[in-house]
Amino acid sequence: ETAYTAIWYLDDREIKREIKETENDMQ
């Protein structure tokens, strides 16, 4: 359940931001 954020850019303009959590422990 560690949350990581993916931030997508196209030509230096942010187009999407998405947060997802790990479902397994340690990897």
mmCIF file of all heavy atoms, coordinates in Angstrom:
data_MODEL
# 
_entry.id   MODEL 
# 
loop_
_atom_site.group_PDB 
_atom_site.id 
_atom_site.type_symbol 
_atom_site.label_atom_id 
_atom_site.label_alt_id 
_atom_site.label_comp_id 
_atom_site.label_asym_id 
_atom_site.label_entity_id 
_atom_site.label_seq_id 
_atom_site.pdbx_PDB_ins_code 
_atom_site.Cartn_x 
_atom_site.Cartn_y 
_atom_site.Cartn_z 
_atom_site.occupancy 
_atom_site.B_iso_or_equiv 
_atom_site.pdbx_formal_charge 
_atom_site.auth_seq_id 
_atom_site.auth_comp_id 
_atom_site.auth_asym_id 
_atom_site.auth_atom_id 
_atom_site.pdbx_PDB_model_num 
ATOM 1   N N   . GLU A 1 1  ? 0.799  -1.225 0.000   1.00 0.00 ? 1  GLU A N   1 
ATOM 2   C CA  . GLU A 1 1  ? 0.000  0.000  0.000   1.00 0.00 ? 1  GLU A CA  1 
ATOM 3   C C   . GLU A 1 1  ? 0.836  1.281  0.000   1.00 0.00 ? 1  GLU A C   1 
ATOM 4   O O   . GLU A 1 1  ? 0.341  2.345  0.342   1.00 0.00 ? 1  GLU A O   1 
ATOM 5   C CB  . GLU A 1 1  ? -1.008 0.003  1.152   1.00 0.00 ? 1  GLU A CB  1 
ATOM 6   C CG  . GLU A 1 1  ? -2.007 -1.143 1.054   1.00 0.00 ? 1  GLU A CG  1 
ATOM 7   C CD  . GLU A 1 1  ? -2.994 -1.192 2.198   1.00 0.00 ? 1  GLU A CD  1 
ATOM 8   O OE1 . GLU A 1 1  ? -2.845 -0.429 3.171   1.00 0.00 ? 1  GLU A OE1 1 
ATOM 9   O OE2 . GLU A 1 1  ? -3.927 -2.015 2.118   1.00 0.00 ? 1  GLU A OE2 1 
ATOM 10  N N   . THR A 1 2  ? 2.102  1.185  -0.435  1.00 0.00 ? 2  THR A N   1 
ATOM 11  C CA  . THR A 1 2  ? 2.899  2.399  -0.631  1.00 0.00 ? 2  THR A CA  1 
ATOM 12  C C   . THR A 1 2  ? 2.409  3.080  -1.901  1.00 0.00 ? 2  THR A C   1 
ATOM 13  O O   . THR A 1 2  ? 2.296  2.456  -2.949  1.00 0.00 ? 2  THR A O   1 
ATOM 14  C CB  . THR A 1 2  ? 4.398  2.063  -0.759  1.00 0.00 ? 2  THR A CB  1 
ATOM 15  O OG1 . THR A 1 2  ? 4.826  1.395  0.429   1.00 0.00 ? 2  THR A OG1 1 
ATOM 16  C CG2 . THR A 1 2  ? 5.226  3.323  -0.961  1.00 0.00 ? 2  THR A CG2 1 
ATOM 17  N N   . ALA A 1 3  ? 2.106  4.362  -1.805  1.00 0.00 ? 3  ALA A N   1 
ATOM 18  C CA  . ALA A 1 3  ? 1.548  5.106  -2.937  1.00 0.00 ? 3  ALA A CA  1 
ATOM 19  C C   . ALA A 1 3  ? 2.641  5.813  -3.730  1.00 0.00 ? 3  ALA A C   1 
ATOM 20  O O   . ALA A 1 3  ? 3.493  6.499  -3.161  1.00 0.00 ? 3  ALA A O   1 
ATOM 21  C CB  . ALA A 1 3  ? 0.538  6.130  -2.441  1.00 0.00 ? 3  ALA A CB  1 
ATOM 22  N N   . TYR A 1 4  ? 2.603  5.609  -5.045  1.00 0.00 ? 4  TYR A N   1 
ATOM 23  C CA  . TYR A 1 4  ? 3.518  6.273  -5.973  1.00 0.00 ? 4  TYR A CA  1 
ATOM 24  C C   . TYR A 1 4  ? 2.685  7.027  -7.009  1.00 0.00 ? 4  TYR A C   1 
ATOM 25  O O   . TYR A 1 4  ? 1.618  6.571  -7.412  1.00 0.00 ? 4  TYR A O   1 
ATOM 26  C CB  . TYR A 1 4  ? 4.417  5.252  -6.679  1.00 0.00 ? 4  TYR A CB  1 
ATOM 27  C CG  . TYR A 1 4  ? 5.378  4.562  -5.750  1.00 0.00 ? 4  TYR A CG  1 
ATOM 28  C CD1 . TYR A 1 4  ? 5.106  3.297  -5.263  1.00 0.00 ? 4  TYR A CD1 1 
ATOM 29  C CD2 . TYR A 1 4  ? 6.563  5.181  -5.363  1.00 0.00 ? 4  TYR A CD2 1 
ATOM 30  C CE1 . TYR A 1 4  ? 5.995  2.659  -4.403  1.00 0.00 ? 4  TYR A CE1 1 
ATOM 31  C CE2 . TYR A 1 4  ? 7.455  4.552  -4.509  1.00 0.00 ? 4  TYR A CE2 1 
ATOM 32  C CZ  . TYR A 1 4  ? 7.164  3.291  -4.039  1.00 0.00 ? 4  TYR A CZ  1 
ATOM 33  O OH  . TYR A 1 4  ? 8.040  2.659  -3.191  1.00 0.00 ? 4  TYR A OH  1 
ATOM 34  N N   . THR A 1 5  ? 3.206  8.153  -7.456  1.00 0.00 ? 5  THR A N   1 
ATOM 35  C CA  . THR A 1 5  ? 2.506  8.987  -8.430  1.00 0.00 ? 5  THR A CA  1 
ATOM 36  C C   . THR A 1 5  ? 3.241  8.982  -9.759  1.00 0.00 ? 5  THR A C   1 
ATOM 37  O O   . THR A 1 5  ? 4.460  9.177  -9.794  1.00 0.00 ? 5  THR A O   1 
ATOM 38  C CB  . THR A 1 5  ? 2.406  10.441 -7.928  1.00 0.00 ? 5  THR A CB  1 
ATOM 39  O OG1 . THR A 1 5  ? 1.777  10.450 -6.647  1.00 0.00 ? 5  THR A OG1 1 
ATOM 40  C CG2 . THR A 1 5  ? 1.610  11.309 -8.892  1.00 0.00 ? 5  THR A CG2 1 
ATOM 41  N N   . ALA A 1 6  ? 2.492  8.755  -10.829 1.00 0.00 ? 6  ALA A N   1 
ATOM 42  C CA  . ALA A 1 6  ? 3.028  8.887  -12.185 1.00 0.00 ? 6  ALA A CA  1 
ATOM 43  C C   . ALA A 1 6  ? 2.527  10.211 -12.741 1.00 0.00 ? 6  ALA A C   1 
ATOM 44  O O   . ALA A 1 6  ? 1.325  10.501 -12.697 1.00 0.00 ? 6  ALA A O   1 
ATOM 45  C CB  . ALA A 1 6  ? 2.575  7.739  -13.068 1.00 0.00 ? 6  ALA A CB  1 
ATOM 46  N N   . ILE A 1 7  ? 3.457  11.024 -13.247 1.00 0.00 ? 7  ILE A N   1 
ATOM 47  C CA  . ILE A 1 7  ? 3.104  12.304 -13.849 1.00 0.00 ? 7  ILE A CA  1 
ATOM 48  C C   . ILE A 1 7  ? 3.580  12.255 -15.300 1.00 0.00 ? 7  ILE A C   1 
ATOM 49  O O   . ILE A 1 7  ? 4.768  12.098 -15.570 1.00 0.00 ? 7  ILE A O   1 
ATOM 50  C CB  . ILE A 1 7  ? 3.769  13.484 -13.110 1.00 0.00 ? 7  ILE A CB  1 
ATOM 51  C CG1 . ILE A 1 7  ? 3.478  13.385 -11.604 1.00 0.00 ? 7  ILE A CG1 1 
ATOM 52  C CG2 . ILE A 1 7  ? 3.274  14.823 -13.674 1.00 0.00 ? 7  ILE A CG2 1 
ATOM 53  C CD1 . ILE A 1 7  ? 4.465  14.097 -10.742 1.00 0.00 ? 7  ILE A CD1 1 
ATOM 54  N N   . TRP A 1 8  ? 2.618  12.351 -16.219 1.00 0.00 ? 8  TRP A N   1 
ATOM 55  C CA  . TRP A 1 8  ? 2.906  12.292 -17.646 1.00 0.00 ? 8  TRP A CA  1 
ATOM 56  C C   . TRP A 1 8  ? 2.936  13.709 -18.210 1.00 0.00 ? 8  TRP A C   1 
ATOM 57  O O   . TRP A 1 8  ? 2.062  14.521 -17.913 1.00 0.00 ? 8  TRP A O   1 
ATOM 58  C CB  . TRP A 1 8  ? 1.816  11.519 -18.377 1.00 0.00 ? 8  TRP A CB  1 
ATOM 59  C CG  . TRP A 1 8  ? 1.621  10.094 -17.967 1.00 0.00 ? 8  TRP A CG  1 
ATOM 60  C CD1 . TRP A 1 8  ? 0.832  9.627  -16.965 1.00 0.00 ? 8  TRP A CD1 1 
ATOM 61  C CD2 . TRP A 1 8  ? 2.198  8.939  -18.582 1.00 0.00 ? 8  TRP A CD2 1 
ATOM 62  N NE1 . TRP A 1 8  ? 0.881  8.250  -16.916 1.00 0.00 ? 8  TRP A NE1 1 
ATOM 63  C CE2 . TRP A 1 8  ? 1.715  7.803  -17.898 1.00 0.00 ? 8  TRP A CE2 1 
ATOM 64  C CE3 . TRP A 1 8  ? 3.075  8.748  -19.650 1.00 0.00 ? 8  TRP A CE3 1 
ATOM 65  C CZ2 . TRP A 1 8  ? 2.077  6.504  -18.247 1.00 0.00 ? 8  TRP A CZ2 1 
ATOM 66  C CZ3 . TRP A 1 8  ? 3.433  7.460  -19.992 1.00 0.00 ? 8  TRP A CZ3 1 
ATOM 67  C CH2 . TRP A 1 8  ? 2.941  6.354  -19.297 1.00 0.00 ? 8  TRP A CH2 1 
ATOM 68  N N   . TYR A 1 9  ? 3.933  13.980 -19.055 1.00 0.00 ? 9  TYR A N   1 
ATOM 69  C CA  . TYR A 1 9  ? 4.056  15.265 -19.733 1.00 0.00 ? 9  TYR A CA  1 
ATOM 70  C C   . TYR A 1 9  ? 4.166  15.015 -21.236 1.00 0.00 ? 9  TYR A C   1 
ATOM 71  O O   . TYR A 1 9  ? 4.787  14.041 -21.661 1.00 0.00 ? 9  TYR A O   1 
ATOM 72  C CB  . TYR A 1 9  ? 5.328  16.002 -19.306 1.00 0.00 ? 9  TYR A CB  1 
ATOM 73  C CG  . TYR A 1 9  ? 5.408  16.328 -17.836 1.00 0.00 ? 9  TYR A CG  1 
ATOM 74  C CD1 . TYR A 1 9  ? 5.947  15.413 -16.932 1.00 0.00 ? 9  TYR A CD1 1 
ATOM 75  C CD2 . TYR A 1 9  ? 4.978  17.555 -17.350 1.00 0.00 ? 9  TYR A CD2 1 
ATOM 76  C CE1 . TYR A 1 9  ? 6.044  15.709 -15.585 1.00 0.00 ? 9  TYR A CE1 1 
ATOM 77  C CE2 . TYR A 1 9  ? 5.068  17.860 -15.998 1.00 0.00 ? 9  TYR A CE2 1 
ATOM 78  C CZ  . TYR A 1 9  ? 5.608  16.932 -15.118 1.00 0.00 ? 9  TYR A CZ  1 
ATOM 79  O OH  . TYR A 1 9  ? 5.707  17.237 -13.784 1.00 0.00 ? 9  TYR A OH  1 
ATOM 80  N N   . LEU A 1 10 ? 3.599  15.900 -22.014 1.00 0.00 ? 10 LEU A N   1 
ATOM 81  C CA  . LEU A 1 10 ? 3.799  15.893 -23.461 1.00 0.00 ? 10 LEU A CA  1 
ATOM 82  C C   . LEU A 1 10 ? 4.320  17.274 -23.828 1.00 0.00 ? 10 LEU A C   1 
ATOM 83  O O   . LEU A 1 10 ? 3.635  18.286 -23.573 1.00 0.00 ? 10 LEU A O   1 
ATOM 84  C CB  . LEU A 1 10 ? 2.498  15.584 -24.206 1.00 0.00 ? 10 LEU A CB  1 
ATOM 85  C CG  . LEU A 1 10 ? 2.644  15.421 -25.708 1.00 0.00 ? 10 LEU A CG  1 
ATOM 86  C CD1 . LEU A 1 10 ? 3.560  14.242 -26.053 1.00 0.00 ? 10 LEU A CD1 1 
ATOM 87  C CD2 . LEU A 1 10 ? 1.297  15.236 -26.375 1.00 0.00 ? 10 LEU A CD2 1 
ATOM 88  N N   . ASP A 1 11 ? 5.523  17.318 -24.383 1.00 0.00 ? 11 ASP A N   1 
ATOM 89  C CA  . ASP A 1 11 ? 6.192  18.578 -24.713 1.00 0.00 ? 11 ASP A CA  1 
ATOM 90  C C   . ASP A 1 11 ? 6.197  19.530 -23.507 1.00 0.00 ? 11 ASP A C   1 
ATOM 91  O O   . ASP A 1 11 ? 5.835  20.705 -23.617 1.00 0.00 ? 11 ASP A O   1 
ATOM 92  C CB  . ASP A 1 11 ? 5.549  19.234 -25.932 1.00 0.00 ? 11 ASP A CB  1 
ATOM 93  C CG  . ASP A 1 11 ? 5.748  18.405 -27.190 1.00 0.00 ? 11 ASP A CG  1 
ATOM 94  O OD1 . ASP A 1 11 ? 6.778  17.704 -27.286 1.00 0.00 ? 11 ASP A OD1 1 
ATOM 95  O OD2 . ASP A 1 11 ? 4.866  18.455 -28.077 1.00 0.00 ? 11 ASP A OD2 1 
ATOM 96  N N   . ASP A 1 12 ? 6.571  18.994 -22.352 1.00 0.00 ? 12 ASP A N   1 
ATOM 97  C CA  . ASP A 1 12 ? 6.720  19.741 -21.088 1.00 0.00 ? 12 ASP A CA  1 
ATOM 98  C C   . ASP A 1 12 ? 5.401  20.270 -20.512 1.00 0.00 ? 12 ASP A C   1 
ATOM 99  O O   . ASP A 1 12 ? 5.413  21.101 -19.606 1.00 0.00 ? 12 ASP A O   1 
ATOM 100 C CB  . ASP A 1 12 ? 7.728  20.889 -21.236 1.00 0.00 ? 12 ASP A CB  1 
ATOM 101 C CG  . ASP A 1 12 ? 9.134  20.385 -21.469 1.00 0.00 ? 12 ASP A CG  1 
ATOM 102 O OD1 . ASP A 1 12 ? 9.508  19.364 -20.850 1.00 0.00 ? 12 ASP A OD1 1 
ATOM 103 O OD2 . ASP A 1 12 ? 9.864  21.000 -22.267 1.00 0.00 ? 12 ASP A OD2 1 
ATOM 104 N N   . ARG A 1 13 ? 4.279  19.780 -20.970 1.00 0.00 ? 13 ARG A N   1 
ATOM 105 C CA  . ARG A 1 13 ? 2.972  20.167 -20.423 1.00 0.00 ? 13 ARG A CA  1 
ATOM 106 C C   . ARG A 1 13 ? 2.361  18.944 -19.760 1.00 0.00 ? 13 ARG A C   1 
ATOM 107 O O   . ARG A 1 13 ? 2.233  17.885 -20.380 1.00 0.00 ? 13 ARG A O   1 
ATOM 108 C CB  . ARG A 1 13 ? 2.058  20.676 -21.546 1.00 0.00 ? 13 ARG A CB  1 
ATOM 109 C CG  . ARG A 1 13 ? 0.717  21.209 -21.065 1.00 0.00 ? 13 ARG A CG  1 
ATOM 110 C CD  . ARG A 1 13 ? -0.138 21.710 -22.226 1.00 0.00 ? 13 ARG A CD  1 
ATOM 111 N NE  . ARG A 1 13 ? -0.377 20.700 -23.240 1.00 0.00 ? 13 ARG A NE  1 
ATOM 112 C CZ  . ARG A 1 13 ? -1.361 19.797 -23.183 1.00 0.00 ? 13 ARG A CZ  1 
ATOM 113 N NH1 . ARG A 1 13 ? -2.185 19.767 -22.157 1.00 0.00 ? 13 ARG A NH1 1 
ATOM 114 N NH2 . ARG A 1 13 ? -1.519 18.930 -24.154 1.00 0.00 ? 13 ARG A NH2 1 
ATOM 115 N N   . GLU A 1 14 ? 2.006  19.081 -18.481 1.00 0.00 ? 14 GLU A N   1 
ATOM 116 C CA  . GLU A 1 14 ? 1.421  17.945 -17.765 1.00 0.00 ? 14 GLU A CA  1 
ATOM 117 C C   . GLU A 1 14 ? 0.082  17.560 -18.390 1.00 0.00 ? 14 GLU A C   1 
ATOM 118 O O   . GLU A 1 14 ? -0.784 18.415 -18.590 1.00 0.00 ? 14 GLU A O   1 
ATOM 119 C CB  . GLU A 1 14 ? 1.216  18.271 -16.281 1.00 0.00 ? 14 GLU A CB  1 
ATOM 120 C CG  . GLU A 1 14 ? 0.708  17.087 -15.495 1.00 0.00 ? 14 GLU A CG  1 
ATOM 121 C CD  . GLU A 1 14 ? 0.580  17.357 -14.006 1.00 0.00 ? 14 GLU A CD  1 
ATOM 122 O OE1 . GLU A 1 14 ? 1.428  18.084 -13.437 1.00 0.00 ? 14 GLU A OE1 1 
ATOM 123 O OE2 . GLU A 1 14 ? -0.377 16.840 -13.411 1.00 0.00 ? 14 GLU A OE2 1 
ATOM 124 N N   . ILE A 1 15 ? -0.062 16.263 -18.712 1.00 0.00 ? 15 ILE A N   1 
ATOM 125 C CA  . ILE A 1 15 ? -1.305 15.798 -19.332 1.00 0.00 ? 15 ILE A CA  1 
ATOM 126 C C   . ILE A 1 15 ? -2.052 14.783 -18.452 1.00 0.00 ? 15 ILE A C   1 
ATOM 127 O O   . ILE A 1 15 ? -3.236 14.552 -18.661 1.00 0.00 ? 15 ILE A O   1 
ATOM 128 C CB  . ILE A 1 15 ? -1.060 15.201 -20.734 1.00 0.00 ? 15 ILE A CB  1 
ATOM 129 C CG1 . ILE A 1 15 ? -0.039 14.065 -20.690 1.00 0.00 ? 15 ILE A CG1 1 
ATOM 130 C CG2 . ILE A 1 15 ? -0.633 16.293 -21.700 1.00 0.00 ? 15 ILE A CG2 1 
ATOM 131 C CD1 . ILE A 1 15 ? 0.129  13.325 -22.014 1.00 0.00 ? 15 ILE A CD1 1 
ATOM 132 N N   . LYS A 1 16 ? -1.360 14.174 -17.488 1.00 0.00 ? 16 LYS A N   1 
ATOM 133 C CA  . LYS A 1 16 ? -2.043 13.210 -16.630 1.00 0.00 ? 16 LYS A CA  1 
ATOM 134 C C   . LYS A 1 16 ? -1.231 12.992 -15.360 1.00 0.00 ? 16 LYS A C   1 
ATOM 135 O O   . LYS A 1 16 ? -0.005 12.991 -15.389 1.00 0.00 ? 16 LYS A O   1 
ATOM 136 C CB  . LYS A 1 16 ? -2.233 11.873 -17.352 1.00 0.00 ? 16 LYS A CB  1 
ATOM 137 C CG  . LYS A 1 16 ? -3.022 10.857 -16.550 1.00 0.00 ? 16 LYS A CG  1 
ATOM 138 C CD  . LYS A 1 16 ? -3.280 9.581  -17.322 1.00 0.00 ? 16 LYS A CD  1 
ATOM 139 C CE  . LYS A 1 16 ? -4.101 8.613  -16.480 1.00 0.00 ? 16 LYS A CE  1 
ATOM 140 N NZ  . LYS A 1 16 ? -4.363 7.369  -17.170 1.00 0.00 ? 16 LYS A NZ  1 
ATOM 141 N N   . ARG A 1 17 ? -1.947 12.786 -14.253 1.00 0.00 ? 17 ARG A N   1 
ATOM 142 C CA  . ARG A 1 17 ? -1.339 12.464 -12.965 1.00 0.00 ? 17 ARG A CA  1 
ATOM 143 C C   . ARG A 1 17 ? -2.163 11.337 -12.359 1.00 0.00 ? 17 ARG A C   1 
ATOM 144 O O   . ARG A 1 17 ? -3.386 11.412 -12.320 1.00 0.00 ? 17 ARG A O   1 
ATOM 145 C CB  . ARG A 1 17 ? -1.367 13.702 -12.077 1.00 0.00 ? 17 ARG A CB  1 
ATOM 146 C CG  . ARG A 1 17 ? -0.718 13.534 -10.732 1.00 0.00 ? 17 ARG A CG  1 
ATOM 147 C CD  . ARG A 1 17 ? -0.760 14.844 -9.966  1.00 0.00 ? 17 ARG A CD  1 
ATOM 148 N NE  . ARG A 1 17 ? 0.098  15.835 -10.591 1.00 0.00 ? 17 ARG A NE  1 
ATOM 149 C CZ  . ARG A 1 17 ? 1.234  16.276 -10.072 1.00 0.00 ? 17 ARG A CZ  1 
ATOM 150 N NH1 . ARG A 1 17 ? 1.638  15.808 -8.914  1.00 0.00 ? 17 ARG A NH1 1 
ATOM 151 N NH2 . ARG A 1 17 ? 1.956  17.174 -10.697 1.00 0.00 ? 17 ARG A NH2 1 
ATOM 152 N N   . GLU A 1 18 ? -1.479 10.290 -11.918 1.00 0.00 ? 18 GLU A N   1 
ATOM 153 C CA  . GLU A 1 18 ? -2.182 9.108  -11.421 1.00 0.00 ? 18 GLU A CA  1 
ATOM 154 C C   . GLU A 1 18 ? -1.433 8.521  -10.226 1.00 0.00 ? 18 GLU A C   1 
ATOM 155 O O   . GLU A 1 18 ? -0.218 8.345  -10.273 1.00 0.00 ? 18 GLU A O   1 
ATOM 156 C CB  . GLU A 1 18 ? -2.255 8.075  -12.547 1.00 0.00 ? 18 GLU A CB  1 
ATOM 157 C CG  . GLU A 1 18 ? -2.980 6.814  -12.208 1.00 0.00 ? 18 GLU A CG  1 
ATOM 158 C CD  . GLU A 1 18 ? -3.054 5.862  -13.393 1.00 0.00 ? 18 GLU A CD  1 
ATOM 159 O OE1 . GLU A 1 18 ? -2.307 6.031  -14.386 1.00 0.00 ? 18 GLU A OE1 1 
ATOM 160 O OE2 . GLU A 1 18 ? -3.850 4.928  -13.311 1.00 0.00 ? 18 GLU A OE2 1 
ATOM 161 N N   . ILE A 1 19 ? -2.162 8.226  -9.162  1.00 0.00 ? 19 ILE A N   1 
ATOM 162 C CA  . ILE A 1 19 ? -1.588 7.626  -7.961  1.00 0.00 ? 19 ILE A CA  1 
ATOM 163 C C   . ILE A 1 19 ? -2.049 6.174  -7.867  1.00 0.00 ? 19 ILE A C   1 
ATOM 164 O O   . ILE A 1 19 ? -3.238 5.893  -7.988  1.00 0.00 ? 19 ILE A O   1 
ATOM 165 C CB  . ILE A 1 19 ? -2.014 8.384  -6.689  1.00 0.00 ? 19 ILE A CB  1 
ATOM 166 C CG1 . ILE A 1 19 ? -1.535 9.828  -6.756  1.00 0.00 ? 19 ILE A CG1 1 
ATOM 167 C CG2 . ILE A 1 19 ? -1.476 7.686  -5.435  1.00 0.00 ? 19 ILE A CG2 1 
ATOM 168 C CD1 . ILE A 1 19 ? -2.083 10.716 -5.656  1.00 0.00 ? 19 ILE A CD1 1 
ATOM 169 N N   . LYS A 1 20 ? -1.083 5.298  -7.665  1.00 0.00 ? 20 LYS A N   1 
ATOM 170 C CA  . LYS A 1 20 ? -1.388 3.880  -7.459  1.00 0.00 ? 20 LYS A CA  1 
ATOM 171 C C   . LYS A 1 20 ? -0.566 3.368  -6.287  1.00 0.00 ? 20 LYS A C   1 
ATOM 172 O O   . LYS A 1 20 ? 0.528  3.866  -6.023  1.00 0.00 ? 20 LYS A O   1 
ATOM 173 C CB  . LYS A 1 20 ? -1.089 3.039  -8.700  1.00 0.00 ? 20 LYS A CB  1 
ATOM 174 C CG  . LYS A 1 20 ? -2.048 3.286  -9.845  1.00 0.00 ? 20 LYS A CG  1 
ATOM 175 C CD  . LYS A 1 20 ? -1.863 2.263  -10.947 1.00 0.00 ? 20 LYS A CD  1 
ATOM 176 C CE  . LYS A 1 20 ? -2.906 2.448  -12.033 1.00 0.00 ? 20 LYS A CE  1 
ATOM 177 N NZ  . LYS A 1 20 ? -2.791 1.413  -13.066 1.00 0.00 ? 20 LYS A NZ  1 
ATOM 178 N N   . GLU A 1 21 ? -1.104 2.343  -5.616  1.00 0.00 ? 21 GLU A N   1 
ATOM 179 C CA  . GLU A 1 21 ? -0.423 1.746  -4.472  1.00 0.00 ? 21 GLU A CA  1 
ATOM 180 C C   . GLU A 1 21 ? 0.075  0.351  -4.806  1.00 0.00 ? 21 GLU A C   1 
ATOM 181 O O   . GLU A 1 21 ? -0.535 -0.364 -5.609  1.00 0.00 ? 21 GLU A O   1 
ATOM 182 C CB  . GLU A 1 21 ? -1.380 1.635  -3.282  1.00 0.00 ? 21 GLU A CB  1 
ATOM 183 C CG  . GLU A 1 21 ? -1.827 2.961  -2.725  1.00 0.00 ? 21 GLU A CG  1 
ATOM 184 C CD  . GLU A 1 21 ? -2.755 2.799  -1.532  1.00 0.00 ? 21 GLU A CD  1 
ATOM 185 O OE1 . GLU A 1 21 ? -3.214 1.673  -1.253  1.00 0.00 ? 21 GLU A OE1 1 
ATOM 186 O OE2 . GLU A 1 21 ? -3.011 3.817  -0.871  1.00 0.00 ? 21 GLU A OE2 1 
ATOM 187 N N   . THR A 1 22 ? 1.176  -0.035 -4.151  1.00 0.00 ? 22 THR A N   1 
ATOM 188 C CA  . THR A 1 22 ? 1.661  -1.401 -4.296  1.00 0.00 ? 22 THR A CA  1 
ATOM 189 C C   . THR A 1 22 ? 0.649  -2.338 -3.637  1.00 0.00 ? 22 THR A C   1 
ATOM 190 O O   . THR A 1 22 ? 0.049  -2.011 -2.615  1.00 0.00 ? 22 THR A O   1 
ATOM 191 C CB  . THR A 1 22 ? 3.048  -1.578 -3.647  1.00 0.00 ? 22 THR A CB  1 
ATOM 192 O OG1 . THR A 1 22 ? 2.996  -1.145 -2.295  1.00 0.00 ? 22 THR A OG1 1 
ATOM 193 C CG2 . THR A 1 22 ? 4.106  -0.802 -4.397  1.00 0.00 ? 22 THR A CG2 1 
ATOM 194 N N   . GLU A 1 23 ? 0.449  -3.487 -4.243  1.00 0.00 ? 23 GLU A N   1 
ATOM 195 C CA  . GLU A 1 23 ? -0.490 -4.479 -3.711  1.00 0.00 ? 23 GLU A CA  1 
ATOM 196 C C   . GLU A 1 23 ? 0.218  -5.591 -2.961  1.00 0.00 ? 23 GLU A C   1 
ATOM 197 O O   . GLU A 1 23 ? -0.414 -6.342 -2.224  1.00 0.00 ? 23 GLU A O   1 
ATOM 198 C CB  . GLU A 1 23 ? -1.324 -5.066 -4.851  1.00 0.00 ? 23 GLU A CB  1 
ATOM 199 C CG  . GLU A 1 23 ? -2.219 -4.042 -5.519  1.00 0.00 ? 23 GLU A CG  1 
ATOM 200 C CD  . GLU A 1 23 ? -3.004 -4.617 -6.681  1.00 0.00 ? 23 GLU A CD  1 
ATOM 201 O OE1 . GLU A 1 23 ? -2.842 -5.815 -6.998  1.00 0.00 ? 23 GLU A OE1 1 
ATOM 202 O OE2 . GLU A 1 23 ? -3.783 -3.863 -7.281  1.00 0.00 ? 23 GLU A OE2 1 
ATOM 203 N N   . ASN A 1 24 ? 1.534  -5.720 -3.185  1.00 0.00 ? 24 ASN A N   1 
ATOM 204 C CA  . ASN A 1 24 ? 2.321  -6.759 -2.523  1.00 0.00 ? 24 ASN A CA  1 
ATOM 205 C C   . ASN A 1 24 ? 3.348  -6.111 -1.614  1.00 0.00 ? 24 ASN A C   1 
ATOM 206 O O   . ASN A 1 24 ? 3.736  -4.963 -1.806  1.00 0.00 ? 24 ASN A O   1 
ATOM 207 C CB  . ASN A 1 24 ? 3.029  -7.643 -3.558  1.00 0.00 ? 24 ASN A CB  1 
ATOM 208 C CG  . ASN A 1 24 ? 2.032  -8.379 -4.426  1.00 0.00 ? 24 ASN A CG  1 
ATOM 209 O OD1 . ASN A 1 24 ? 1.158  -9.071 -3.945  1.00 0.00 ? 24 ASN A OD1 1 
ATOM 210 N ND2 . ASN A 1 24 ? 2.156  -8.201 -5.734  1.00 0.00 ? 24 ASN A ND2 1 
ATOM 211 N N   . ASP A 1 25 ? 3.813  -6.861 -0.635  1.00 0.00 ? 25 ASP A N   1 
ATOM 212 C CA  . ASP A 1 25 ? 4.787  -6.350 0.307   1.00 0.00 ? 25 ASP A CA  1 
ATOM 213 C C   . ASP A 1 25 ? 6.207  -6.494 -0.243  1.00 0.00 ? 25 ASP A C   1 
ATOM 214 O O   . ASP A 1 25 ? 6.567  -7.545 -0.771  1.00 0.00 ? 25 ASP A O   1 
ATOM 215 C CB  . ASP A 1 25 ? 4.656  -7.104 1.641   1.00 0.00 ? 25 ASP A CB  1 
ATOM 216 C CG  . ASP A 1 25 ? 5.353  -6.396 2.773   1.00 0.00 ? 25 ASP A CG  1 
ATOM 217 O OD1 . ASP A 1 25 ? 5.472  -5.159 2.715   1.00 0.00 ? 25 ASP A OD1 1 
ATOM 218 O OD2 . ASP A 1 25 ? 5.772  -7.076 3.731   1.00 0.00 ? 25 ASP A OD2 1 
ATOM 219 N N   . MET A 1 26 ? 6.985  -5.456 -0.147  1.00 0.00 ? 26 MET A N   1 
ATOM 220 C CA  . MET A 1 26 ? 8.411  -5.371 -0.461  1.00 0.00 ? 26 MET A CA  1 
ATOM 221 C C   . MET A 1 26 ? 8.758  -5.276 -1.944  1.00 0.00 ? 26 MET A C   1 
ATOM 222 O O   . MET A 1 26 ? 9.756  -4.671 -2.279  1.00 0.00 ? 26 MET A O   1 
ATOM 223 C CB  . MET A 1 26 ? 9.213  -6.497 0.207   1.00 0.00 ? 26 MET A CB  1 
ATOM 224 C CG  . MET A 1 26 ? 9.113  -6.450 1.726   1.00 0.00 ? 26 MET A CG  1 
ATOM 225 S SD  . MET A 1 26 ? 9.279  -4.781 2.446   1.00 0.00 ? 26 MET A SD  1 
ATOM 226 C CE  . MET A 1 26 ? 10.986 -4.430 2.160   1.00 0.00 ? 26 MET A CE  1 
ATOM 227 N N   . GLN A 1 27 ? 8.006  -5.868 -2.856  1.00 0.00 ? 27 GLN A N   1 
ATOM 228 C CA  . GLN A 1 27 ? 8.242  -5.625 -4.284  1.00 0.00 ? 27 GLN A CA  1 
ATOM 229 C C   . GLN A 1 27 ? 6.966  -5.884 -5.062  1.00 0.00 ? 27 GLN A C   1 
ATOM 230 O O   . GLN A 1 27 ? 6.166  -6.736 -4.703  1.00 0.00 ? 27 GLN A O   1 
ATOM 231 C CB  . GLN A 1 27 ? 9.405  -6.440 -4.828  1.00 0.00 ? 27 GLN A CB  1 
ATOM 232 C CG  . GLN A 1 27 ? 9.238  -7.916 -4.878  1.00 0.00 ? 27 GLN A CG  1 
ATOM 233 C CD  . GLN A 1 27 ? 10.440 -8.551 -5.586  1.00 0.00 ? 27 GLN A CD  1 
ATOM 234 O OE1 . GLN A 1 27 ? 11.113 -7.937 -6.401  1.00 0.00 ? 27 GLN A OE1 1 
ATOM 235 N NE2 . GLN A 1 27 ? 10.703 -9.795 -5.257  1.00 0.00 ? 27 GLN A NE2 1 
# 
